[in-house]
Protein backbone atom coordinates (compact mmCIF):
# COMPACT_ATOMS: atom_id res chain seq x y z
CA UNK A 1 0.00 0.00 0.00
CA UNK A 2 1.27 3.46 -0.91
CA UNK A 3 1.55 5.83 2.03
CA UNK A 4 -0.33 9.04 1.21
CA UNK A 5 -0.55 12.38 2.99
CA UNK A 6 -2.96 15.25 2.35
CA UNK A 7 -2.00 18.90 2.83
CA UNK A 8 -4.90 21.33 3.00
CA UNK A 9 -7.86 20.24 5.13
CA UNK A 10 -10.74 22.11 3.51
CA UNK A 11 -13.93 20.51 2.22
CA UNK A 12 -12.36 18.86 -0.85
CA UNK A 13 -9.86 17.02 1.36
CA UNK A 14 -12.58 14.63 2.50
CA UNK A 15 -13.17 13.54 -1.09
CA UNK A 16 -9.44 12.98 -1.56
CA UNK A 17 -9.26 10.76 1.52
CA UNK A 18 -12.33 8.76 0.49
CA UNK A 19 -10.98 8.13 -3.01
CA UNK A 20 -7.45 7.32 -1.79
CA UNK A 21 -8.97 4.49 0.23
CA UNK A 22 -11.33 3.47 -2.56
CA UNK A 23 -8.45 2.70 -4.93
CA UNK A 24 -7.44 -0.21 -2.72
CA UNK A 25 -3.75 0.40 -3.42
CA UNK A 26 -3.07 3.39 -1.15
CA UNK A 27 -3.85 4.50 2.38
CA UNK A 28 -4.11 8.01 3.89
CA UNK A 29 -1.71 8.05 6.84
CA UNK A 30 -1.47 11.78 7.63
CA UNK A 31 -3.11 15.15 7.04
CA UNK A 32 -1.67 18.63 7.38
CA UNK A 33 -2.98 22.18 7.56
CA UNK A 34 -1.45 25.44 8.77
CA UNK A 35 -4.50 25.59 11.06
CA UNK A 36 -3.72 22.59 13.31
CA UNK A 37 -7.30 22.39 14.55
CA UNK A 38 -8.58 21.79 11.01
CA UNK A 39 -6.04 19.01 10.52
CA UNK A 40 -6.94 17.42 13.84
CA UNK A 41 -10.66 17.59 13.11
CA UNK A 42 -10.27 16.09 9.65
CA UNK A 43 -8.05 13.29 10.99
CA UNK A 44 -10.63 12.43 13.63
CA UNK A 45 -13.58 12.69 11.27
CA UNK A 46 -11.96 10.55 8.55
CA UNK A 47 -10.00 8.23 10.89
CA UNK A 48 -6.57 9.24 9.64
CA UNK A 49 -3.76 8.23 12.02
CA UNK A 50 -1.75 11.48 12.19
CA UNK A 51 -2.33 15.23 11.90
CA UNK A 52 0.21 18.04 11.51
CA UNK A 53 0.30 21.82 11.38
CA UNK A 54 3.53 21.91 9.37
CA UNK A 55 4.22 20.17 6.06
CA UNK A 56 7.94 19.81 6.68
CA UNK A 57 7.27 17.92 9.92
CA UNK A 58 4.79 15.62 8.20
CA UNK A 59 7.25 14.83 5.41
CA UNK A 60 10.06 14.10 7.89
CA UNK A 61 7.95 11.90 10.14
CA UNK A 62 5.84 9.93 7.68
CA UNK A 63 8.13 9.02 4.73
CA UNK A 64 5.26 9.45 2.29
CA UNK A 65 5.06 7.96 -1.20
CA UNK A 66 2.50 10.51 -2.44
CA UNK A 67 1.23 13.85 -1.16
CA UNK A 68 -2.12 15.29 -2.24
CA UNK A 69 -1.99 19.10 -2.29
CA UNK A 70 -5.49 20.50 -1.70
CA UNK A 71 -4.59 24.08 -0.78
CA UNK A 72 -5.31 27.30 -2.73
CA UNK A 73 -3.24 27.44 -5.95
CA UNK A 74 -1.14 30.36 -4.75
CA UNK A 75 0.75 27.89 -2.52
CA UNK A 76 1.15 25.03 -5.00
CA UNK A 77 4.63 25.77 -6.36
CA UNK A 78 6.32 25.99 -2.98
CA UNK A 79 4.48 23.01 -1.48
CA UNK A 80 5.14 20.83 -4.53
CA UNK A 81 8.86 21.57 -4.38
CA UNK A 82 8.97 20.59 -0.69
CA UNK A 83 7.25 17.30 -1.46
CA UNK A 84 9.49 16.47 -4.43
CA UNK A 85 12.63 17.23 -2.44
CA UNK A 86 11.39 14.92 0.34
CA UNK A 87 11.03 12.12 -2.22
CA UNK A 88 7.23 12.19 -2.53
CA UNK A 89 5.19 12.21 -5.72
CA UNK A 90 2.41 14.82 -5.92
CA UNK A 91 -1.27 14.74 -6.81
CA UNK A 92 -2.52 18.32 -7.18
CA UNK A 93 -6.02 19.64 -6.71
CA UNK A 94 -7.00 22.01 -9.50
CA UNK A 95 -6.16 24.76 -10.38
CA UNK A 96 -2.74 23.22 -10.93
CA UNK A 97 -1.08 26.62 -10.41
CA UNK A 98 -1.97 30.29 -10.55
CA UNK A 99 -0.60 30.56 -14.09
CA UNK A 100 1.42 28.73 -16.74
CA UNK A 101 4.69 30.02 -15.29
CA UNK A 102 3.88 28.34 -12.00
CA UNK A 103 2.75 25.19 -13.78
CA UNK A 104 6.04 25.01 -15.69
CA UNK A 105 7.96 25.51 -12.41
CA UNK A 106 6.18 22.54 -10.84
CA UNK A 107 6.76 20.33 -13.88
CA UNK A 108 10.46 21.23 -13.98
CA UNK A 109 10.82 20.50 -10.27
CA UNK A 110 9.19 17.10 -10.73
CA UNK A 111 11.54 16.28 -13.58
CA UNK A 112 14.62 17.46 -11.67
CA UNK A 113 13.78 15.19 -8.71
CA UNK A 114 12.54 12.25 -10.84
CA UNK A 115 9.13 12.46 -9.17
CA UNK A 116 5.70 12.17 -10.76
CA UNK A 117 2.96 14.78 -10.63
CA UNK A 118 -0.68 14.73 -11.68
CA UNK A 119 -3.74 16.91 -11.23
CA UNK A 120 -7.39 16.27 -10.44
CA UNK A 121 -8.84 16.55 -13.96
CA UNK A 122 -11.46 14.00 -12.95
CA UNK A 123 -13.86 14.64 -15.85
CA UNK A 124 -11.27 13.35 -18.31
CA UNK A 125 -11.72 9.96 -16.63
CA UNK A 126 -15.51 9.85 -16.49
CA UNK A 127 -17.22 7.23 -18.66
CA UNK A 128 -18.65 9.68 -21.28
CA UNK A 129 -15.23 11.22 -21.95
CA UNK A 130 -13.51 7.84 -22.14
CA UNK A 131 -16.21 6.73 -24.61
CA UNK A 132 -15.57 9.86 -26.68
CA UNK A 133 -11.86 9.05 -26.91
CA UNK A 134 -12.65 5.49 -27.94
CA UNK A 135 -15.10 6.73 -30.57
CA UNK A 136 -12.47 9.11 -31.95
CA UNK A 137 -9.85 6.37 -32.10
CA UNK A 138 -12.27 4.23 -34.10
CA UNK A 139 -12.56 7.00 -36.71
CA UNK A 140 -16.32 7.32 -36.27
CA UNK A 141 -16.15 11.11 -35.90
CA UNK A 142 -13.39 11.79 -38.41
CA UNK A 143 -11.35 14.96 -38.11
CA UNK A 144 -12.73 17.33 -35.50
CA UNK A 145 -14.22 20.54 -36.87
CA UNK A 146 -15.78 22.30 -33.88
CA UNK A 147 -16.33 21.84 -30.12
CA UNK A 148 -19.02 23.41 -27.94
CA UNK A 149 -18.67 23.34 -24.16
CA UNK A 150 -20.96 24.64 -21.43
CA UNK A 151 -20.21 24.64 -17.70
CA UNK A 152 -22.76 25.81 -15.17
CA UNK A 153 -21.95 27.12 -11.71
CA UNK A 154 -24.41 27.50 -8.84
CA UNK A 155 -23.60 30.60 -6.82
CA UNK A 156 -26.36 29.55 -4.42
CA UNK A 157 -24.50 26.37 -3.50
CA UNK A 158 -22.27 25.94 -0.46
CA UNK A 159 -19.08 26.94 -2.26
CA UNK A 160 -20.67 29.81 -4.19
CA UNK A 161 -22.12 31.26 -1.01
CA UNK A 162 -18.74 31.00 0.71
CA UNK A 163 -17.06 32.95 -2.12
CA UNK A 164 -19.79 35.62 -2.28
CA UNK A 165 -19.94 35.91 1.50
CA UNK A 166 -16.23 36.60 1.97
CA UNK A 167 -14.52 39.32 -0.11
CA UNK A 168 -11.20 38.02 1.30
CA UNK A 169 -11.72 34.48 0.01
CA UNK A 170 -8.67 33.21 -1.90
CA UNK A 171 -10.72 32.91 -5.12
CA UNK A 172 -10.95 36.72 -5.23
CA UNK A 173 -7.14 36.88 -5.27
CA UNK A 174 -6.81 34.82 -8.47
CA UNK A 175 -6.22 36.72 -11.74
CA UNK A 176 -9.31 35.07 -13.22
CA UNK A 177 -11.28 35.13 -9.95
CA UNK A 178 -14.26 32.74 -9.97
CA UNK A 179 -13.62 31.49 -13.50
CA UNK A 180 -10.05 30.48 -12.77
CA UNK A 181 -11.33 28.08 -10.13
CA UNK A 182 -13.48 26.21 -12.66
CA UNK A 183 -11.78 26.70 -16.04
CA UNK A 184 -9.55 23.65 -15.48
CA UNK A 185 -12.67 21.48 -15.62
CA UNK A 186 -13.61 23.08 -18.95
CA UNK A 187 -10.24 23.46 -20.66
CA UNK A 188 -8.67 20.17 -19.55
CA UNK A 189 -11.28 18.28 -21.59
CA UNK A 190 -10.64 20.41 -24.67
CA UNK A 191 -6.83 20.35 -24.80
CA UNK A 192 -6.43 16.62 -25.65
CA UNK A 193 -8.83 17.11 -28.57
CA UNK A 194 -7.04 20.09 -30.13
CA UNK A 195 -4.15 20.09 -32.56
CA UNK A 196 -0.88 21.64 -31.52
CA UNK A 197 -0.17 25.09 -32.88
CA UNK A 198 -1.02 28.73 -32.35
CA UNK A 199 -4.16 29.28 -30.30
CA UNK A 200 -6.34 32.33 -30.99
CA UNK A 201 -8.68 33.50 -28.23
CA UNK A 202 -11.64 35.84 -28.09
CA UNK A 203 -13.34 36.41 -24.73
CA UNK A 204 -16.07 38.40 -23.03
CA UNK A 205 -16.81 38.38 -19.30
CA UNK A 206 -19.42 40.26 -17.30
CA UNK A 207 -21.54 40.30 -14.14
CA UNK A 208 -25.23 39.48 -14.59
CA UNK A 209 -26.30 39.45 -10.93
CA UNK A 210 -27.40 42.64 -9.19
CA UNK A 211 -24.76 44.93 -7.71
CA UNK A 212 -24.36 44.79 -3.94
CA UNK A 213 -22.31 47.95 -3.42
CA UNK A 214 -19.47 45.85 -2.02
CA UNK A 215 -16.47 46.49 -4.27
CA UNK A 216 -14.78 43.11 -3.84
CA UNK A 217 -17.96 41.22 -4.70
CA UNK A 218 -19.14 43.48 -7.52
CA UNK A 219 -15.75 43.05 -9.21
CA UNK A 220 -16.51 39.33 -9.55
CA UNK A 221 -17.91 38.51 -13.03
CA UNK A 222 -20.23 35.50 -13.19
CA UNK A 223 -20.66 34.97 -16.95
CA UNK A 224 -17.90 34.03 -19.41
CA UNK A 225 -18.00 33.48 -23.17
CA UNK A 226 -14.93 32.43 -25.12
CA UNK A 227 -13.96 31.30 -28.58
CA UNK A 228 -10.78 29.41 -29.40
CA UNK A 229 -9.20 28.61 -32.73
CA UNK A 230 -6.39 26.10 -33.18
CA UNK A 231 -5.49 24.88 -36.65
CA UNK A 232 -8.70 23.91 -38.44
CA UNK A 233 -10.65 23.29 -35.20
CA UNK A 234 -12.67 25.93 -33.34
CA UNK A 235 -14.20 25.96 -29.86
CA UNK A 236 -17.12 27.87 -28.39
CA UNK A 237 -17.37 27.96 -24.59
CA UNK A 238 -19.75 29.24 -21.93
CA UNK A 239 -19.26 29.36 -18.16
CA UNK A 240 -22.48 30.58 -16.55
CA UNK A 241 -23.80 31.04 -13.03
CA UNK A 242 -27.31 31.78 -14.30
CA UNK A 243 -28.34 29.12 -16.81
CA UNK A 244 -30.75 26.55 -15.37
CA UNK A 245 -30.62 23.71 -15.01
CA UNK A 246 -26.95 23.85 -14.04
CA UNK A 247 -25.33 21.85 -16.83
CA UNK A 248 -21.99 20.43 -17.90
CA UNK A 249 -22.02 19.60 -21.59
CA UNK A 250 -19.53 18.96 -24.37
CA UNK A 251 -20.57 18.69 -28.02
CA UNK A 252 -18.05 17.41 -30.53
CA UNK A 253 -18.60 17.97 -34.26
CA UNK A 254 -16.51 15.94 -36.67
CA UNK A 255 -16.25 15.58 -40.43
CA UNK A 256 -17.79 12.08 -40.28
CA UNK A 257 -19.96 12.23 -37.17
CA UNK A 258 -20.79 14.21 -34.04
CA UNK A 259 -21.55 13.46 -30.40
CA UNK A 260 -22.83 15.01 -27.19
CA UNK A 261 -21.55 14.33 -23.67
CA UNK A 262 -23.61 15.21 -20.59
CA UNK A 263 -21.15 15.02 -17.70
CA UNK A 264 -23.88 15.45 -15.07
CA UNK A 265 -26.13 12.68 -16.39
CA UNK A 266 -23.07 10.70 -17.59
CA UNK A 267 -24.37 10.01 -21.05
CA UNK A 268 -22.55 9.79 -24.37
CA UNK A 269 -24.75 9.95 -27.47
CA UNK A 270 -23.72 10.09 -31.11
CA UNK A 271 -25.88 12.40 -33.19
CA UNK A 272 -28.08 10.50 -35.60
CA UNK A 273 -28.62 11.47 -39.24
CA UNK A 274 -31.46 10.92 -41.64
CA UNK A 275 -30.56 7.96 -43.89
CA UNK A 276 -33.94 7.43 -45.56
CA UNK A 277 -35.57 10.21 -47.63
CA UNK A 278 -39.08 11.58 -47.07
CA UNK A 279 -40.94 12.33 -43.85
CA UNK A 280 -40.68 8.69 -42.76
CA UNK A 281 -36.91 9.01 -42.70
CA UNK A 282 -37.15 12.01 -40.38
CA UNK A 283 -38.92 9.86 -37.81
CA UNK A 284 -36.06 7.40 -37.37
CA UNK A 285 -33.23 9.55 -35.90
CA UNK A 286 -35.30 10.38 -32.81
CA UNK A 287 -35.96 6.68 -32.15
CA UNK A 288 -32.31 5.78 -32.66
CA UNK A 289 -31.27 8.58 -30.31
CA UNK A 290 -33.80 7.37 -27.73
CA UNK A 291 -32.30 3.87 -27.99
CA UNK A 292 -28.85 5.31 -27.21
CA UNK A 293 -30.19 7.11 -24.14
CA UNK A 294 -31.87 3.88 -23.00
CA UNK A 295 -28.55 2.03 -23.27
CA UNK A 296 -26.86 4.83 -21.30
CA UNK A 297 -29.54 4.60 -18.61
CA UNK A 298 -29.14 0.83 -18.13
CA UNK A 299 -25.37 1.14 -18.13
CA UNK A 300 -25.59 3.74 -15.39
CA UNK A 301 -27.92 1.51 -13.37
CA UNK A 302 -25.33 -1.26 -13.54
CA UNK A 303 -22.55 1.16 -12.55
CA UNK A 304 -24.71 2.37 -9.65
CA UNK A 305 -25.00 -1.22 -8.45
CA UNK A 306 -21.21 -1.57 -8.58
CA UNK A 307 -20.70 1.67 -6.59
CA UNK A 308 -19.23 3.34 -9.69
CA UNK A 309 -21.75 6.14 -10.11
CA UNK A 310 -20.83 8.49 -7.28
CA UNK A 311 -19.72 12.08 -7.91
CA UNK A 312 -15.98 11.39 -7.65
CA UNK A 313 -15.84 8.19 -9.72
CA UNK A 314 -13.61 9.89 -12.32
CA UNK A 315 -11.22 10.89 -9.55
CA UNK A 316 -11.06 7.28 -8.36
CA UNK A 317 -10.16 6.07 -11.85
CA UNK A 318 -7.54 8.82 -12.24
CA UNK A 319 -6.00 8.13 -8.83
CA UNK A 320 -5.83 4.39 -9.51
CA UNK A 321 -3.94 5.02 -12.75
CA UNK A 322 -1.62 7.56 -11.09
CA UNK A 323 -0.82 5.25 -8.19
CA UNK A 324 -0.09 2.38 -10.57
CA UNK A 325 2.28 4.64 -12.51
CA UNK A 326 4.03 5.52 -9.24
CA UNK A 327 4.35 1.93 -7.99
CA UNK A 328 4.72 0.00 -11.25
CA UNK A 329 6.04 2.52 -13.77
CA UNK A 330 4.54 3.39 -17.14
CA UNK A 331 2.96 6.55 -18.48
CA UNK A 332 1.34 9.24 -16.37
CA UNK A 333 -2.46 9.30 -16.74
CA UNK A 334 -2.26 13.03 -17.58
CA UNK A 335 0.72 14.07 -19.62
CA UNK A 336 2.89 17.04 -18.73
CA UNK A 337 2.01 18.48 -22.14
CA UNK A 338 -1.71 18.43 -21.28
CA UNK A 339 -1.09 20.05 -17.89
CA UNK A 340 1.03 22.84 -19.37
CA UNK A 341 -1.21 23.49 -22.40
CA UNK A 342 -4.24 23.63 -20.10
CA UNK A 343 -2.51 26.27 -17.97
CA UNK A 344 -1.44 28.24 -21.04
CA UNK A 345 -4.95 28.18 -22.50
CA UNK A 346 -6.46 29.36 -19.21
CA UNK A 347 -3.90 32.18 -19.09
CA UNK A 348 -4.88 33.17 -22.63
CA UNK A 349 -8.61 33.20 -21.77
CA UNK A 350 -8.06 35.23 -18.61
CA UNK A 351 -5.70 37.65 -20.35
CA UNK A 352 -7.96 38.19 -23.33
CA UNK A 353 -11.02 38.63 -21.12
CA UNK A 354 -9.60 41.31 -18.82
CA UNK A 355 -11.72 39.65 -16.16
CA UNK A 356 -12.96 42.67 -14.24
CA UNK A 357 -16.58 43.47 -13.48
CA UNK A 358 -18.77 44.10 -16.51
CA UNK A 359 -22.26 45.50 -16.88
CA UNK A 360 -25.18 43.57 -18.31
CA UNK A 361 -23.89 44.44 -21.75
CA UNK A 362 -21.62 41.72 -23.11
CA UNK A 363 -18.47 43.51 -24.32
CA UNK A 364 -15.98 41.51 -26.40
CA UNK A 365 -12.39 41.95 -25.32
CA UNK A 366 -10.65 41.20 -28.58
CA UNK A 367 -8.38 38.27 -29.30
CA UNK A 368 -4.95 37.18 -28.22
CA UNK A 369 -2.79 34.56 -29.95
CA UNK A 370 -1.04 32.09 -27.67
């Protein structure tokens, strides 16, 4: 069993500890937080043997194989270096770093110490996304032409209320504010599908909710629109705190076929075409699409019965692959190229958007080549 420690004892740390155990090949042996009480409470709540208020002490005492870093991204570079130098591999909570410069620093430090590093891009390991990759490898979609992604965010949820209720929350200190905390989930799915080459970005960001008169909160935009162009493939993206129901969709349009992924419902459906002329032929695509949804539904029922349908199932799959790479060798589940390109793309979106408060009017901010 790999010995794993967790630094950062906020809400997401519980999910990390649960999924560490669920892999069956690693065990959480220690937690750490600069607020010792939070570490002690998490250790007691999750039955973790040891708790620390100092990362250096935890690394010296526990001889860890892997450290999960679940702190705000402003601290990731320094904490990752400490872990690498102590001989531990690192699994990073997103955002991987504040910017691409920080991401490159972490990747270089991992390489210099011969340690592995990965990041919690869990949606890349959910069943719909894995099915998309398999479909692409089969050639069923052909060359990709266009991608459409939509990510909803509920500001009325626990995390949204925490951010809006505290102008000093670390999210407000990020260059991209609220969006930078979620863009990894959006961009990380896109990057493996795009060709290499110059990336062109056009962005608009604005605040749709009513002004409160509190400067720190009113400077927080809650709607983002972006367009990307890379080679012959384009992307249209929306991050919205106002669209209902809150959705998480990816549509992929190829030269031979197209598909839609619903990450919330965990469905993957290829778009049907009319193959028979006349009105009768127009009836068939709806029935064939319904048959695909029925297959998705029964598959999800079976996965539910196998305890593979919980919210963090993608994280469990990712962690299992990362731990196997650590203990047995082989390729990292998320390549360094994907991590760096994701960070660079997020930087480009944030830079092109000038993410300060906007009025109701959606004002385009121009484009920036990467």
